Structure formats: C-alpha cells, structure tokens
PDB file of N, CA and C in Angstrom:
ATOM      1  N   UNK A   1      41.309  22.401 -36.041  1.00  0.00           N
ATOM      2  CA  UNK A   1      42.357  23.099 -36.389  1.00  0.00           C
ATOM      3  C   UNK A   1      43.303  23.904 -35.597  1.00  0.00           C
ATOM      4  N   UNK A   2      44.476  23.323 -35.654  1.00  0.00           N
ATOM      5  CA  UNK A   2      45.491  24.037 -34.801  1.00  0.00           C
ATOM      6  C   UNK A   2      46.504  24.681 -35.343  1.00  0.00           C
ATOM      7  N   UNK A   3      46.791  26.101 -34.932  1.00  0.00           N
ATOM      8  CA  UNK A   3      47.877  26.699 -35.508  1.00  0.00           C
ATOM      9  C   UNK A   3      48.817  27.065 -34.532  1.00  0.00           C
ATOM     10  N   UNK A   4      50.207  26.626 -34.836  1.00  0.00           N
ATOM     11  CA  UNK A   4      51.214  27.072 -33.869  1.00  0.00           C
ATOM     12  C   UNK A   4      52.021  28.330 -34.508  1.00  0.00           C
ATOM     13  N   UNK A   5      51.975  29.133 -33.598  1.00  0.00           N
ATOM     14  CA  UNK A   5      52.582  30.672 -33.873  1.00  0.00           C
ATOM     15  C   UNK A   5      53.368  31.205 -32.754  1.00  0.00           C
ATOM     16  N   UNK A   6      54.124  32.094 -33.027  1.00  0.00           N
ATOM     17  CA  UNK A   6      54.875  32.771 -31.870  1.00  0.00           C
ATOM     18  C   UNK A   6      53.753  33.384 -30.731  1.00  0.00           C
ATOM     19  N   UNK A   7      54.018  33.594 -29.558  1.00  0.00           N
ATOM     20  CA  UNK A   7      53.175  34.095 -28.500  1.00  0.00           C
ATOM     21  C   UNK A   7      52.806  35.539 -28.929  1.00  0.00           C
ATOM     22  N   UNK A   8      51.492  35.988 -28.836  1.00  0.00           N
ATOM     23  CA  UNK A   8      50.957  37.181 -29.046  1.00  0.00           C
ATOM     24  C   UNK A   8      50.646  37.332 -30.348  1.00  0.00           C
ATOM     25  N   UNK A   9      50.834  36.406 -31.228  1.00  0.00           N
ATOM     26  CA  UNK A   9      50.477  36.509 -32.636  1.00  0.00           C
ATOM     27  C   UNK A   9      48.918  36.311 -32.721  1.00  0.00           C
ATOM     28  N   UNK A  10      48.169  37.124 -33.524  1.00  0.00           N
ATOM     29  CA  UNK A  10      46.912  36.968 -33.709  1.00  0.00           C
ATOM     30  C   UNK A  10      46.601  35.798 -34.690  1.00  0.00           C
ATOM     31  N   UNK A  11      45.665  35.000 -34.387  1.00  0.00           N
ATOM     32  CA  UNK A  11      45.282  33.980 -35.254  1.00  0.00           C
ATOM     33  C   UNK A  11      44.077  34.191 -35.782  1.00  0.00           C
ATOM     34  N   UNK A  12      43.753  34.160 -37.297  1.00  0.00           N
ATOM     35  CA  UNK A  12      42.454  34.248 -37.905  1.00  0.00           C
ATOM     36  C   UNK A  12      42.019  32.971 -38.415  1.00  0.00           C
ATOM     37  N   UNK A  13      40.950  32.453 -38.075  1.00  0.00           N
ATOM     38  CA  UNK A  13      40.455  31.156 -38.551  1.00  0.00           C
ATOM     39  C   UNK A  13      39.111  31.526 -39.523  1.00  0.00           C
ATOM     40  N   UNK A  14      39.342  30.952 -40.669  1.00  0.00           N
ATOM     41  CA  UNK A  14      38.054  31.111 -41.463  1.00  0.00           C
ATOM     42  C   UNK A  14      37.332  29.758 -41.859  1.00  0.00           C
ATOM     43  N   UNK A  15      36.136  29.597 -41.264  1.00  0.00           N
ATOM     44  CA  UNK A  15      35.719  28.055 -41.410  1.00  0.00           C
ATOM     45  C   UNK A  15      34.127  28.381 -41.502  1.00  0.00           C
ATOM     46  N   UNK A  16      33.407  27.891 -42.608  1.00  0.00           N
ATOM     47  CA  UNK A  16      32.146  28.027 -42.664  1.00  0.00           C
ATOM     48  C   UNK A  16      31.533  29.498 -42.831  1.00  0.00           C
ATOM     49  N   UNK A  17      32.448  30.525 -43.132  1.00  0.00           N
ATOM     50  CA  UNK A  17      31.922  31.970 -43.101  1.00  0.00           C
ATOM     51  C   UNK A  17      32.015  32.457 -42.001  1.00  0.00           C
ATOM     52  N   UNK A  18      32.763  31.870 -40.938  1.00  0.00           N
ATOM     53  CA  UNK A  18      32.875  32.535 -39.702  1.00  0.00           C
ATOM     54  C   UNK A  18      34.252  32.734 -39.247  1.00  0.00           C
ATOM     55  N   UNK A  19      34.465  34.125 -38.708  1.00  0.00           N
ATOM     56  CA  UNK A  19      35.806  34.496 -38.444  1.00  0.00           C
ATOM     57  C   UNK A  19      36.191  34.306 -36.967  1.00  0.00           C
ATOM     58  N   UNK A  20      37.025  33.576 -36.658  1.00  0.00           N
ATOM     59  CA  UNK A  20      37.382  33.352 -35.209  1.00  0.00           C
ATOM     60  C   UNK A  20      38.756  34.135 -34.703  1.00  0.00           C
ATOM     61  N   UNK A  21      38.551  35.007 -33.724  1.00  0.00           N
ATOM     62  CA  UNK A  21      39.950  35.632 -33.371  1.00  0.00           C
ATOM     63  C   UNK A  21      40.310  34.994 -32.028  1.00  0.00           C
ATOM     64  N   UNK A  22      41.678  34.602 -31.988  1.00  0.00           N
ATOM     65  CA  UNK A  22      42.092  34.109 -30.863  1.00  0.00           C
ATOM     66  C   UNK A  22      43.763  34.453 -30.674  1.00  0.00           C
ATOM     67  N   UNK A  23      44.073  34.741 -29.623  1.00  0.00           N
ATOM     68  CA  UNK A  23      45.351  34.991 -29.381  1.00  0.00           C
ATOM     69  C   UNK A  23      45.890  34.796 -27.862  1.00  0.00           C
ATOM     70  N   UNK A  24      47.255  34.499 -27.587  1.00  0.00           N
ATOM     71  CA  UNK A  24      47.670  34.159 -26.256  1.00  0.00           C
ATOM     72  C   UNK A  24      47.162  35.327 -25.115  1.00  0.00           C
ATOM     73  N   UNK A  25      46.995  36.499 -25.602  1.00  0.00           N
ATOM     74  CA  UNK A  25      46.529  37.345 -24.514  1.00  0.00           C
ATOM     75  C   UNK A  25      45.066  37.742 -24.411  1.00  0.00           C
ATOM     76  N   UNK A  26      44.451  37.022 -25.522  1.00  0.00           N
ATOM     77  CA  UNK A  26      42.784  37.080 -25.510  1.00  0.00           C
ATOM     78  C   UNK A  26      42.507  38.115 -26.224  1.00  0.00           C
ATOM     79  N   UNK A  27      41.267  38.413 -26.264  1.00  0.00           N
ATOM     80  CA  UNK A  27      40.565  39.548 -27.386  1.00  0.00           C
ATOM     81  C   UNK A  27      40.805  40.981 -26.766  1.00  0.00           C
ATOM     82  N   UNK A  28      41.955  41.273 -26.729  1.00  0.00           N
ATOM     83  CA  UNK A  28      42.399  42.750 -26.092  1.00  0.00           C
ATOM     84  C   UNK A  28      42.326  43.659 -27.334  1.00  0.00           C
ATOM     85  N   UNK A  29      42.858  43.503 -28.493  1.00  0.00           N
ATOM     86  CA  UNK A  29      42.877  44.488 -29.443  1.00  0.00           C
ATOM     87  C   UNK A  29      42.377  43.781 -30.723  1.00  0.00           C
ATOM     88  N   UNK A  30      41.624  44.401 -31.734  1.00  0.00           N
ATOM     89  CA  UNK A  30      41.145  44.084 -32.814  1.00  0.00           C
ATOM     90  C   UNK A  30      42.138  44.251 -34.013  1.00  0.00           C
ATOM     91  N   UNK A  31      42.839  43.306 -34.633  1.00  0.00           N
ATOM     92  CA  UNK A  31      43.819  43.519 -35.606  1.00  0.00           C
ATOM     93  C   UNK A  31      43.172  43.842 -36.786  1.00  0.00           C
ATOM     94  N   UNK A  32      43.887  44.347 -37.807  1.00  0.00           N
ATOM     95  CA  UNK A  32      43.360  44.765 -39.169  1.00  0.00           C
ATOM     96  C   UNK A  32      42.581  43.745 -39.896  1.00  0.00           C
ATOM     97  N   UNK A  33      42.869  42.375 -39.656  1.00  0.00           N
ATOM     98  CA  UNK A  33      42.253  41.460 -40.407  1.00  0.00           C
ATOM     99  C   UNK A  33      40.654  41.419 -40.286  1.00  0.00           C
ATOM    100  N   UNK A  34      40.231  41.889 -38.999  1.00  0.00           N
ATOM    101  CA  UNK A  34      38.827  42.134 -38.907  1.00  0.00           C
ATOM    102  C   UNK A  34      38.120  43.046 -39.952  1.00  0.00           C
ATOM    103  N   UNK A  35      39.024  43.961 -40.424  1.00  0.00           N
ATOM    104  CA  UNK A  35      38.421  45.065 -41.457  1.00  0.00           C
ATOM    105  C   UNK A  35      38.493  44.357 -42.807  1.00  0.00           C
ATOM    106  N   UNK A  36      38.919  43.319 -42.979  1.00  0.00           N
ATOM    107  CA  UNK A  36      39.177  42.643 -44.467  1.00  0.00           C
ATOM    108  C   UNK A  36      37.859  41.721 -44.702  1.00  0.00           C
ATOM    109  N   UNK A  37      37.505  41.803 -45.939  1.00  0.00           N
ATOM    110  CA  UNK A  37      36.506  40.830 -46.322  1.00  0.00           C
ATOM    111  C   UNK A  37      37.084  39.397 -46.013  1.00  0.00           C
ATOM    112  N   UNK A  38      36.282  38.379 -46.144  1.00  0.00           N
ATOM    113  CA  UNK A  38      36.565  37.100 -45.884  1.00  0.00           C
ATOM    114  C   UNK A  38      37.656  36.639 -47.001  1.00  0.00           C
ATOM    115  N   UNK A  39      37.256  36.864 -48.180  1.00  0.00           N
ATOM    116  CA  UNK A  39      37.882  36.420 -49.434  1.00  0.00           C
ATOM    117  C   UNK A  39      39.634  37.171 -49.467  1.00  0.00           C
ATOM    118  N   UNK A  40      39.832  38.035 -48.578  1.00  0.00           N
ATOM    119  CA  UNK A  40      41.129  38.641 -48.664  1.00  0.00           C
ATOM    120  C   UNK A  40      41.759  38.347 -47.534  1.00  0.00           C
ATOM    121  N   UNK A  41      41.425  37.452 -46.629  1.00  0.00           N
ATOM    122  CA  UNK A  41      42.339  37.103 -45.690  1.00  0.00           C
ATOM    123  C   UNK A  41      43.583  36.338 -46.074  1.00  0.00           C
ATOM    124  N   UNK A  42      44.801  36.488 -45.520  1.00  0.00           N
ATOM    125  CA  UNK A  42      45.913  35.952 -45.717  1.00  0.00           C
ATOM    126  C   UNK A  42      45.869  34.333 -45.860  1.00  0.00           C
ATOM    127  N   UNK A  43      46.568  33.775 -46.958  1.00  0.00           N
ATOM    128  CA  UNK A  43      46.450  32.321 -47.116  1.00  0.00           C
ATOM    129  C   UNK A  43      46.858  31.695 -45.799  1.00  0.00           C
ATOM    130  N   UNK A  44      47.982  32.162 -45.187  1.00  0.00           N
ATOM    131  CA  UNK A  44      48.475  31.413 -44.185  1.00  0.00           C
ATOM    132  C   UNK A  44      47.503  31.091 -42.997  1.00  0.00           C
ATOM    133  N   UNK A  45      46.380  31.984 -43.003  1.00  0.00           N
ATOM    134  CA  UNK A  45      45.331  31.904 -41.948  1.00  0.00           C
ATOM    135  C   UNK A  45      44.064  30.947 -42.304  1.00  0.00           C
ATOM    136  N   UNK A  46      44.179  30.546 -43.481  1.00  0.00           N
ATOM    137  CA  UNK A  46      42.968  29.794 -43.984  1.00  0.00           C
ATOM    138  C   UNK A  46      43.288  28.350 -43.603  1.00  0.00           C
ATOM    139  N   UNK A  47      42.409  27.664 -42.783  1.00  0.00           N
ATOM    140  CA  UNK A  47      42.501  26.265 -42.409  1.00  0.00           C
ATOM    141  C   UNK A  47      41.663  25.414 -43.365  1.00  0.00           C
ATOM    142  N   UNK A  48      41.954  25.250 -44.509  1.00  0.00           N
ATOM    143  CA  UNK A  48      41.244  24.577 -45.579  1.00  0.00           C
ATOM    144  C   UNK A  48      41.712  22.913 -45.115  1.00  0.00           C
TER     145      UNK A  48
END
C-alpha cells in the first residue's frame, strides 16, 4: 500500500491490527493518531 501525501504529512496505515507510523522526517514526533483506537482512525488512512 502506497499513499502519496505532501512532505512531512504523517501517514497512519492500519493493516491486520497493526499501526505503522511513517513520515518524510522519520519517527520524530508521535501524532494524535497514536492515541486513538484502531476503529477511530480517519478513513483516508485506512488501506482496505
């Protein structure tokens, strides 16, 4: 699964119950998405 987004935009990928955080600058900061349950992740971030 590849998601194209502007540079520096956090990318959250939910797959098989696993959350993967990736960004252009690496794992520098933890965005609010990590504090959300898997079921409440924004739809744009779900790679179904």
